[in-house]
Protein backbone atom coordinates (compact mmCIF):
# COMPACT_ATOMS: atom_id res chain seq x y z
CA UNK A 1 -94.07 -87.36 -70.76
CA UNK A 2 -91.03 -85.22 -69.18
CA UNK A 3 -91.70 -83.24 -66.07
CA UNK A 4 -93.69 -80.33 -66.30
CA UNK A 5 -95.28 -77.57 -63.74
CA UNK A 6 -98.88 -78.58 -64.68
CA UNK A 7 -101.36 -81.55 -63.86
CA UNK A 8 -103.93 -83.04 -66.08
CA UNK A 9 -106.16 -83.65 -63.68
CA UNK A 10 -108.41 -80.75 -63.97
CA UNK A 11 -108.96 -79.54 -67.56
CA UNK A 12 -110.97 -81.52 -69.40
CA UNK A 13 -110.32 -81.24 -72.81
CA UNK A 14 -113.17 -80.17 -76.13
CA UNK A 15 -113.57 -82.50 -78.84
CA UNK A 16 -110.75 -84.81 -77.78
CA UNK A 17 -110.82 -88.40 -76.84
CA UNK A 18 -109.56 -87.45 -72.81
CA UNK A 19 -108.77 -91.09 -71.75
CA UNK A 20 -105.92 -91.55 -74.94
CA UNK A 21 -104.67 -87.88 -74.54
CA UNK A 22 -103.33 -88.88 -71.08
CA UNK A 23 -101.53 -91.73 -71.85
CA UNK A 24 -99.80 -89.52 -75.03
CA UNK A 25 -100.47 -86.13 -74.15
CA UNK A 26 -99.90 -83.34 -76.24
CA UNK A 27 -99.19 -79.81 -75.00
CA UNK A 28 -98.26 -77.00 -76.26
CA UNK A 29 -96.13 -74.52 -74.39
CA UNK A 30 -94.87 -71.81 -77.03
CA UNK A 31 -95.35 -70.90 -80.63
CA UNK A 32 -93.44 -68.61 -83.13
CA UNK A 33 -93.82 -68.26 -86.89
CA UNK A 34 -94.93 -71.78 -88.52
CA UNK A 35 -94.03 -74.02 -85.16
CA UNK A 36 -95.28 -74.78 -81.53
CA UNK A 37 -92.95 -75.93 -78.72
CA UNK A 38 -94.27 -78.60 -77.03
CA UNK A 39 -93.93 -79.27 -73.05
CA UNK A 40 -91.13 -82.00 -73.68
CA UNK A 41 -89.41 -79.61 -75.84
CA UNK A 42 -90.20 -80.60 -79.46
CA UNK A 43 -90.65 -78.49 -82.46
CA UNK A 44 -93.89 -78.76 -84.55
CA UNK A 45 -94.78 -77.36 -87.66
CA UNK A 46 -98.58 -76.11 -87.28
CA UNK A 47 -100.21 -77.53 -90.43
CA UNK A 48 -103.24 -76.40 -89.56
CA UNK A 49 -103.29 -72.87 -88.63
CA UNK A 50 -104.40 -74.38 -84.89
CA UNK A 51 -107.60 -74.80 -86.28
CA UNK A 52 -108.04 -72.49 -88.83
CA UNK A 53 -107.01 -69.30 -86.95
CA UNK A 54 -103.59 -68.50 -87.23
CA UNK A 55 -103.72 -67.17 -90.74
CA UNK A 56 -100.50 -64.61 -90.01
CA UNK A 57 -98.32 -67.27 -88.25
CA UNK A 58 -97.54 -67.52 -84.43
CA UNK A 59 -96.32 -64.72 -82.35
CA UNK A 60 -96.67 -61.09 -84.46
CA UNK A 61 -95.62 -58.38 -82.91
CA UNK A 62 -97.97 -56.08 -84.47
CA UNK A 63 -101.10 -57.66 -82.70
CA UNK A 64 -99.24 -58.52 -80.08
CA UNK A 65 -98.48 -54.29 -79.33
CA UNK A 66 -102.24 -53.37 -79.81
CA UNK A 67 -103.21 -55.68 -77.28
CA UNK A 68 -100.68 -54.09 -74.75
CA UNK A 69 -101.66 -50.73 -75.65
CA UNK A 70 -105.31 -51.55 -75.79
CA UNK A 71 -104.66 -53.06 -72.18
CA UNK A 72 -103.11 -50.14 -70.89
CA UNK A 73 -106.33 -47.74 -72.25
CA UNK A 74 -109.23 -49.31 -71.84
CA UNK A 75 -109.07 -53.01 -70.89
CA UNK A 76 -113.08 -53.76 -70.51
CA UNK A 77 -116.21 -51.74 -71.33
CA UNK A 78 -119.82 -52.88 -71.48
CA UNK A 79 -121.73 -53.52 -74.80
CA UNK A 80 -124.88 -52.59 -73.35
CA UNK A 81 -126.13 -49.28 -73.63
CA UNK A 82 -122.38 -48.19 -74.69
CA UNK A 83 -119.89 -49.81 -76.41
CA UNK A 84 -115.99 -48.56 -77.18
CA UNK A 85 -114.51 -46.74 -79.75
CA UNK A 86 -112.57 -50.17 -80.97
CA UNK A 87 -115.41 -51.89 -81.51
CA UNK A 88 -116.65 -49.34 -83.67
CA UNK A 89 -113.33 -49.28 -85.78
CA UNK A 90 -113.21 -52.86 -86.05
CA UNK A 91 -116.91 -52.71 -87.56
CA UNK A 92 -115.83 -50.33 -89.94
CA UNK A 93 -113.10 -52.36 -91.04
CA UNK A 94 -114.43 -55.52 -91.55
CA UNK A 95 -117.70 -53.86 -93.13
CA UNK A 96 -115.12 -52.28 -95.94
CA UNK A 97 -113.99 -55.78 -96.66
CA UNK A 98 -117.53 -57.61 -97.06
CA UNK A 99 -119.05 -57.20 -100.00
CA UNK A 100 -121.88 -55.42 -101.53
CA UNK A 101 -124.12 -54.00 -98.96
CA UNK A 102 -123.18 -56.26 -95.98
CA UNK A 103 -122.45 -52.77 -93.56
CA UNK A 104 -123.84 -53.72 -90.28
CA UNK A 105 -121.60 -55.44 -88.24
CA UNK A 106 -123.11 -57.66 -84.60
CA UNK A 107 -120.40 -58.61 -82.34
CA UNK A 108 -120.37 -61.73 -80.32
CA UNK A 109 -117.69 -64.19 -79.71
CA UNK A 110 -116.90 -67.30 -81.80
CA UNK A 111 -118.37 -68.87 -84.90
CA UNK A 112 -120.60 -70.89 -82.53
CA UNK A 113 -122.39 -67.79 -80.97
CA UNK A 114 -122.40 -66.33 -84.46
CA UNK A 115 -124.11 -69.23 -85.93
CA UNK A 116 -126.97 -68.80 -83.04
CA UNK A 117 -127.13 -64.91 -83.55
CA UNK A 118 -127.31 -64.94 -87.67
CA UNK A 119 -130.38 -67.54 -86.96
CA UNK A 120 -132.32 -65.17 -84.20
CA UNK A 121 -131.55 -62.15 -86.54
CA UNK A 122 -133.16 -64.42 -89.61
CA UNK A 123 -136.36 -64.82 -87.28
CA UNK A 124 -136.56 -60.59 -85.75
CA UNK A 125 -136.08 -59.55 -89.36
CA UNK A 126 -139.04 -61.46 -90.81
CA UNK A 127 -141.24 -60.86 -87.99
CA UNK A 128 -140.17 -56.75 -88.29
CA UNK A 129 -141.36 -57.32 -91.57
CA UNK A 130 -145.00 -58.84 -90.87
CA UNK A 131 -143.61 -62.60 -91.67
CA UNK A 132 -143.18 -63.94 -88.17
CA UNK A 133 -144.47 -67.25 -89.81
CA UNK A 134 -141.20 -67.91 -91.19
CA UNK A 135 -139.77 -69.88 -88.63
CA UNK A 136 -138.22 -72.86 -90.63
CA UNK A 137 -134.57 -73.28 -91.20
CA UNK A 138 -132.98 -75.14 -93.40
CA UNK A 139 -129.24 -76.23 -93.45
CA UNK A 140 -126.86 -78.90 -95.12
CA UNK A 141 -126.17 -82.74 -94.16
CA UNK A 142 -122.49 -82.77 -92.63
CA UNK A 143 -122.67 -78.76 -92.23
CA UNK A 144 -120.85 -77.42 -88.95
CA UNK A 145 -121.77 -74.10 -87.83
CA UNK A 146 -120.37 -74.61 -83.86
CA UNK A 147 -121.83 -75.83 -81.09
CA UNK A 148 -124.77 -73.69 -79.43
CA UNK A 149 -128.18 -75.75 -80.03
CA UNK A 150 -129.22 -73.57 -82.86
CA UNK A 151 -125.83 -74.10 -84.86
CA UNK A 152 -126.19 -77.92 -84.11
CA UNK A 153 -129.97 -77.62 -85.25
CA UNK A 154 -128.92 -76.58 -89.01
CA UNK A 155 -126.11 -77.97 -88.75
CA UNK A 156 -125.43 -81.99 -90.33
CA UNK A 157 -122.93 -83.30 -88.00
CA UNK A 158 -124.06 -86.72 -87.38
CA UNK A 159 -122.33 -86.66 -83.98
CA UNK A 160 -123.60 -83.90 -82.59
CA UNK A 161 -127.09 -84.65 -84.18
CA UNK A 162 -126.56 -88.15 -82.24
CA UNK A 163 -125.55 -86.89 -78.75
CA UNK A 164 -128.21 -83.74 -78.58
CA UNK A 165 -130.80 -84.37 -81.20
CA UNK A 166 -133.46 -84.77 -78.35
CA UNK A 167 -132.90 -80.67 -77.97
CA UNK A 168 -132.28 -79.77 -80.74
CA UNK A 169 -135.00 -77.08 -82.66
CA UNK A 170 -137.74 -78.68 -84.27
CA UNK A 171 -138.51 -76.45 -87.53
CA UNK A 172 -135.19 -77.76 -89.55
CA UNK A 173 -134.86 -79.52 -92.81
CA UNK A 174 -131.48 -80.20 -94.87
CA UNK A 175 -130.03 -80.01 -98.29
CA UNK A 176 -128.23 -82.87 -99.27
CA UNK A 177 -124.72 -82.84 -98.82
CA UNK A 178 -122.58 -81.08 -101.83
CA UNK A 179 -119.84 -84.08 -102.54
CA UNK A 180 -119.90 -86.91 -104.98
CA UNK A 181 -117.20 -89.63 -104.22
CA UNK A 182 -117.35 -91.41 -107.59
CA UNK A 183 -117.18 -88.67 -110.12
CA UNK A 184 -115.13 -86.37 -108.24
CA UNK A 185 -113.12 -87.98 -105.90
CA UNK A 186 -110.01 -86.06 -106.99
CA UNK A 187 -110.88 -82.29 -107.24
CA UNK A 188 -107.55 -79.61 -107.73
CA UNK A 189 -108.65 -75.84 -107.67
CA UNK A 190 -111.77 -76.45 -109.80
CA UNK A 191 -115.16 -76.38 -109.17
CA UNK A 192 -116.74 -79.70 -109.52
CA UNK A 193 -119.38 -79.87 -112.44
CA UNK A 194 -122.35 -82.20 -111.59
CA UNK A 195 -124.57 -84.00 -114.21
CA UNK A 196 -127.69 -83.62 -112.38
CA UNK A 197 -128.43 -80.02 -110.11
CA UNK A 198 -127.68 -80.74 -106.56
CA UNK A 199 -130.85 -78.12 -106.11
CA UNK A 200 -133.35 -80.12 -106.97
CA UNK A 201 -134.30 -81.82 -103.98
CA UNK A 202 -134.56 -78.25 -102.43
CA UNK A 203 -136.86 -77.28 -105.21
CA UNK A 204 -138.74 -80.00 -105.52
CA UNK A 205 -139.13 -81.91 -102.06
CA UNK A 206 -138.14 -79.80 -99.32
CA UNK A 207 -139.63 -76.23 -100.21
CA UNK A 208 -142.76 -77.56 -101.23
CA UNK A 209 -143.21 -80.03 -98.33
CA UNK A 210 -142.60 -76.98 -95.79
CA UNK A 211 -143.89 -74.66 -98.19
CA UNK A 212 -141.25 -71.83 -99.23
CA UNK A 213 -143.08 -68.98 -97.06
CA UNK A 214 -142.72 -70.49 -93.83
CA UNK A 215 -138.76 -70.60 -94.21
CA UNK A 216 -136.60 -67.95 -92.19
CA UNK A 217 -132.74 -69.30 -93.91
CA UNK A 218 -131.05 -71.35 -95.63
CA UNK A 219 -127.25 -71.82 -93.94
CA UNK A 220 -124.31 -72.95 -95.15
CA UNK A 221 -120.46 -73.02 -95.48
CA UNK A 222 -119.07 -71.69 -98.92
CA UNK A 223 -116.71 -75.00 -98.63
CA UNK A 224 -117.48 -77.35 -96.14
CA UNK A 225 -114.55 -77.16 -94.01
CA UNK A 226 -114.92 -78.97 -90.62
CA UNK A 227 -116.67 -81.83 -92.49
CA UNK A 228 -113.01 -82.60 -94.44
CA UNK A 229 -112.84 -79.71 -97.48
CA UNK A 230 -115.76 -80.20 -99.63
CA UNK A 231 -116.02 -78.15 -102.53
CA UNK A 232 -119.83 -76.94 -103.55
CA UNK A 233 -120.64 -77.84 -107.31
CA UNK A 234 -120.22 -75.35 -109.66
CA UNK A 235 -122.63 -73.00 -110.07
CA UNK A 236 -124.32 -74.16 -106.62
CA UNK A 237 -124.03 -71.12 -104.83
CA UNK A 238 -125.55 -68.96 -107.13
CA UNK A 239 -128.43 -71.24 -107.77
CA UNK A 240 -128.58 -70.98 -103.92
CA UNK A 241 -128.75 -67.48 -104.01
CA UNK A 242 -131.48 -67.05 -107.23
CA UNK A 243 -133.87 -69.79 -105.24
CA UNK A 244 -133.93 -67.70 -101.62
CA UNK A 245 -134.09 -64.30 -103.63
CA UNK A 246 -137.30 -66.27 -105.40
CA UNK A 247 -138.75 -67.22 -102.81
CA UNK A 248 -138.15 -64.30 -100.01
CA UNK A 249 -135.46 -66.69 -98.05
CA UNK A 250 -132.52 -65.28 -96.36
CA UNK A 251 -129.19 -66.94 -97.09
CA UNK A 252 -126.42 -66.99 -94.75
CA UNK A 253 -122.70 -68.25 -95.23
CA UNK A 254 -121.09 -69.39 -92.36
CA UNK A 255 -117.48 -68.22 -93.19
CA UNK A 256 -115.69 -68.99 -89.73
CA UNK A 257 -113.65 -70.95 -91.94
CA UNK A 258 -112.84 -69.67 -95.11
CA UNK A 259 -113.27 -66.05 -94.09
CA UNK A 260 -110.47 -63.38 -94.09
CA UNK A 261 -108.19 -65.22 -96.48
CA UNK A 262 -108.11 -68.57 -96.56
CA UNK A 263 -109.54 -68.91 -100.35
CA UNK A 264 -107.19 -66.18 -101.53
CA UNK A 265 -109.93 -63.57 -101.30
CA UNK A 266 -111.31 -61.63 -98.26
CA UNK A 267 -114.03 -63.83 -97.84
CA UNK A 268 -115.57 -67.25 -99.77
CA UNK A 269 -118.37 -64.80 -101.04
CA UNK A 270 -115.82 -62.80 -102.75
CA UNK A 271 -114.24 -66.27 -104.35
CA UNK A 272 -117.48 -67.59 -105.21
CA UNK A 273 -119.19 -63.86 -106.47
CA UNK A 274 -122.31 -64.30 -104.38
CA UNK A 275 -123.43 -62.16 -102.04
CA UNK A 276 -125.53 -63.41 -98.50
CA UNK A 277 -127.69 -61.84 -96.67
CA UNK A 278 -125.92 -62.48 -94.06
CA UNK A 279 -121.78 -63.79 -93.10
CA UNK A 280 -120.62 -65.06 -89.62
CA UNK A 281 -117.25 -64.71 -89.16
CA UNK A 282 -114.57 -65.77 -86.09
CA UNK A 283 -111.16 -66.99 -86.35
CA UNK A 284 -108.90 -65.58 -88.28
CA UNK A 285 -110.32 -62.39 -87.27
CA UNK A 286 -108.42 -61.48 -84.53
CA UNK A 287 -105.08 -64.45 -85.55
CA UNK A 288 -106.47 -66.64 -83.35
CA UNK A 289 -105.10 -64.49 -80.26
CA UNK A 290 -108.39 -63.49 -78.74
CA UNK A 291 -111.84 -64.65 -78.95
CA UNK A 292 -113.85 -62.56 -81.41
CA UNK A 293 -116.92 -63.54 -83.40
CA UNK A 294 -119.58 -61.68 -85.60
CA UNK A 295 -122.25 -61.68 -88.20
CA UNK A 296 -121.79 -59.37 -91.08
CA UNK A 297 -125.85 -58.25 -92.20
CA UNK A 298 -126.96 -56.38 -95.22
CA UNK A 299 -128.45 -52.72 -94.64
CA UNK A 300 -132.22 -54.19 -94.86
CA UNK A 301 -132.06 -56.60 -92.34
CA UNK A 302 -131.04 -53.79 -90.27
CA UNK A 303 -133.34 -50.99 -91.62
CA UNK A 304 -136.16 -53.34 -90.91
CA UNK A 305 -135.34 -53.68 -87.22
CA UNK A 306 -135.18 -50.03 -87.08
CA UNK A 307 -138.20 -49.07 -88.20
CA UNK A 308 -140.30 -49.57 -85.30
CA UNK A 309 -143.16 -47.78 -84.01
CA UNK A 310 -142.02 -48.68 -80.60
CA UNK A 311 -140.18 -45.96 -78.46
CA UNK A 312 -136.83 -44.64 -78.75
CA UNK A 313 -135.63 -46.49 -75.23
CA UNK A 314 -137.00 -49.76 -76.62
CA UNK A 315 -134.35 -52.25 -77.60
CA UNK A 316 -134.98 -53.40 -81.60
CA UNK A 317 -132.83 -56.70 -81.09
CA UNK A 318 -133.06 -58.31 -77.82
CA UNK A 319 -129.55 -60.17 -78.44
CA UNK A 320 -126.39 -59.68 -77.25
CA UNK A 321 -122.99 -60.83 -75.29
CA UNK A 322 -120.90 -59.72 -72.42
CA UNK A 323 -118.13 -59.50 -74.65
CA UNK A 324 -119.40 -58.29 -77.58
CA UNK A 325 -117.46 -55.71 -79.36
CA UNK A 326 -114.57 -56.45 -76.73
CA UNK A 327 -112.23 -53.65 -76.71
CA UNK A 328 -109.34 -55.89 -76.69
CA UNK A 329 -110.32 -58.34 -78.70
CA UNK A 330 -111.31 -55.61 -81.41
CA UNK A 331 -107.72 -54.09 -81.08
CA UNK A 332 -106.23 -57.40 -81.53
CA UNK A 333 -108.79 -57.55 -84.66
CA UNK A 334 -107.46 -53.95 -86.13
CA UNK A 335 -103.87 -55.02 -85.93
CA UNK A 336 -105.00 -58.43 -87.38
CA UNK A 337 -106.39 -56.71 -90.35
CA UNK A 338 -103.94 -54.35 -90.90
CA UNK A 339 -100.99 -56.77 -90.65
CA UNK A 340 -102.95 -58.92 -93.49
CA UNK A 341 -103.29 -55.89 -95.96
CA UNK A 342 -99.86 -54.54 -94.96
CA UNK A 343 -98.00 -58.16 -96.04
CA UNK A 344 -101.00 -59.15 -98.94
CA UNK A 345 -101.33 -62.28 -97.10
CA UNK A 346 -104.55 -62.78 -98.65
CA UNK A 347 -103.17 -63.12 -102.07
CA UNK A 348 -100.35 -65.06 -100.79
CA UNK A 349 -102.82 -67.56 -99.57
CA UNK A 350 -103.81 -67.85 -103.35
CA UNK A 351 -100.82 -68.40 -104.40
CA UNK A 352 -99.49 -70.77 -101.90
CA UNK A 353 -102.71 -72.61 -102.33
CA UNK A 354 -101.53 -73.63 -105.50
CA UNK A 355 -98.19 -74.98 -104.17
CA UNK A 356 -100.43 -77.10 -101.75
CA UNK A 357 -102.63 -78.40 -103.85
CA UNK A 358 -100.06 -79.55 -106.30
CA UNK A 359 -97.99 -81.19 -103.70
CA UNK A 360 -100.98 -83.12 -102.64
CA UNK A 361 -102.01 -84.71 -105.97
CA UNK A 362 -98.73 -85.23 -106.87
CA UNK A 363 -97.87 -86.81 -103.62
CA UNK A 364 -100.81 -89.23 -102.44
CA UNK A 365 -102.36 -90.16 -105.70
CA UNK A 366 -102.25 -93.93 -106.02
CA UNK A 367 -101.39 -94.33 -102.39
CA UNK A 368 -102.42 -96.86 -100.27
CA UNK A 369 -106.07 -96.48 -98.94
CA UNK A 370 -106.57 -92.75 -100.58
CA UNK A 371 -109.60 -92.94 -101.84
CA UNK A 372 -109.82 -88.97 -102.64
CA UNK A 373 -108.30 -85.78 -102.71
CA UNK A 374 -109.67 -82.07 -102.69
CA UNK A 375 -107.45 -78.85 -102.71
CA UNK A 376 -109.12 -75.44 -103.42
CA UNK A 377 -107.65 -72.02 -101.79
CA UNK A 378 -104.90 -72.74 -99.23
CA UNK A 379 -106.67 -75.91 -97.83
CA UNK A 380 -106.07 -79.47 -99.30
CA UNK A 381 -107.58 -82.49 -97.99
CA UNK A 382 -106.72 -86.44 -98.57
CA UNK A 383 -109.56 -89.45 -97.93
CA UNK A 384 -108.54 -92.40 -96.83
CA UNK A 385 -110.54 -95.74 -97.06
CA UNK A 386 -112.26 -96.13 -93.26
CA UNK A 387 -110.73 -99.18 -91.31
CA UNK A 388 -113.74 -102.06 -91.00
CA UNK A 389 -115.70 -101.88 -87.71
CA UNK A 390 -113.77 -98.73 -86.77
CA UNK A 391 -114.78 -95.18 -88.66
CA UNK A 392 -112.57 -92.35 -88.38
CA UNK A 393 -109.78 -94.93 -86.73
CA UNK A 394 -106.97 -94.51 -89.55
CA UNK A 395 -107.04 -90.77 -89.97
CA UNK A 396 -106.78 -90.77 -86.17
CA UNK A 397 -103.55 -93.12 -86.15
CA UNK A 398 -102.18 -91.23 -88.77
CA UNK A 399 -102.65 -87.84 -87.33
CA UNK A 400 -100.82 -89.41 -83.79
CA UNK A 401 -97.94 -90.59 -86.19
CA UNK A 402 -97.59 -86.89 -88.07
CA UNK A 403 -97.77 -85.64 -84.31
CA UNK A 404 -94.77 -87.51 -83.38
CA UNK A 405 -92.77 -86.92 -86.56
CA UNK A 406 -93.36 -83.19 -85.54
CA UNK A 407 -96.58 -82.22 -88.05
CA UNK A 408 -99.43 -81.10 -86.70
CA UNK A 409 -102.39 -82.18 -89.25
CA UNK A 410 -106.24 -82.59 -88.75
CA UNK A 411 -108.15 -85.58 -88.85
CA UNK A 412 -112.11 -85.23 -90.06
CA UNK A 413 -113.46 -88.56 -90.07
CA UNK A 414 -111.21 -90.73 -92.44
CA UNK A 415 -109.96 -87.56 -94.02
CA UNK A 416 -106.86 -85.50 -93.16
CA UNK A 417 -106.53 -81.83 -93.72
CA UNK A 418 -103.76 -79.42 -94.10
CA UNK A 419 -104.51 -75.65 -93.80
CA UNK A 420 -101.33 -73.84 -93.13
CA UNK A 421 -100.86 -69.96 -92.09
CA UNK A 422 -100.85 -67.76 -94.95
CA UNK A 423 -96.97 -67.18 -94.16
CA UNK A 424 -95.91 -70.98 -95.43
CA UNK A 425 -93.46 -71.72 -97.35
CA UNK A 426 -92.73 -74.12 -99.90
CA UNK A 427 -90.38 -75.88 -97.78
CA UNK A 428 -92.92 -75.94 -95.15
CA UNK A 429 -95.47 -77.73 -97.23
CA UNK A 430 -92.70 -80.55 -98.52
CA UNK A 431 -92.36 -81.20 -94.80
CA UNK A 432 -95.87 -81.30 -93.86
CA UNK A 433 -96.74 -83.41 -97.37
CA UNK A 434 -94.05 -85.72 -96.94
CA UNK A 435 -94.53 -86.76 -93.38
CA UNK A 436 -98.04 -87.57 -93.88
CA UNK A 437 -97.24 -89.07 -97.51
CA UNK A 438 -94.97 -91.24 -94.76
CA UNK A 439 -97.46 -91.93 -92.21
CA UNK A 440 -100.13 -92.99 -94.65
CA UNK A 441 -97.53 -95.84 -96.10
CA UNK A 442 -96.93 -96.91 -92.74
CA UNK A 443 -100.47 -97.15 -91.67
CA UNK A 444 -101.21 -99.29 -94.84
């Protein structure tokens, strides 16, 4: 490790094997466009949009200038009993981008907070309608909805549930996972078609077990991103919408990853043609520059909570955060969304997604230990056979090797994902894919 002006004695890194990190630190000190600069002066290409966040690439002047202007104008204002102009402007822009009558935006600070917020909205909505007995939530196996206790409860990530299971919400059930490794190991920009109906279990077991009248909401990611980019079966989300409508259940899409361009559209909801009752967002909304998240709700949810006999001074929905609608974060969001539109980056993401998918399937199929490839939108995953007795180690070792070769990729269990910024060029894709392919061969 090169000499640095910082010590690693105090920061506890999140979702990181800290003991190993100290032996082989990976510290970024600068970024521009598609690349990071490390503490020891190396250039590393950002193959994961820095955890799905940096859609427009790093160091974008319009976003930074908007933040500086806002800091000079209004640095912070309380979100309780008052608000700020940037929050109203950002909410208007976000609602205009959302499909259907998703028009009411509740701001928070992260995808984790968005998940918990949407669950609380669901409970409040049903209570306001006189159906307060609807308290059960349904998530999905291997789903990821952040690290709040609500999000972990409806989520299906085994490690979260193993570590914190004794404190999770009790009234939760889970749909089966959406991947068929036998018939759909290789998916290239197409929706997998199942011979069976993967939602039969929901209709024939889960809902009868709990009674549909007790279910508040079903929450899913349109594409299972954190688990390793798993695509929903053809017609799955449309059928889920129909089932929810039939039984008066709210449908929540967690679009922290798929929202704001990753699918080549505004949201995954647009890509699949399904309007949920709530849509959770974060990450790309500010290009990752400042934390901001939120929940976009359909009008009827807001209207139900506003139709109350309580005096006007009484708060209708007792929820929020100190930094909800932070003026600097909202200024960053406005500048980011304007930049996305001006440079037509969502359409570009859709176009470059096909290039990325082509490269994945042409390069990785047939390589040692490759057991699956999935591509859709500007993201693709290669699934690897695990090392005996050491699940996740093969992908982690390949991640480390790629970093040493100047490419940041993402390990998710025994899957490696590439999801670059929307400004990616074909040469960048070639570098990322070839670096990963070489590493897969070295770790055969």
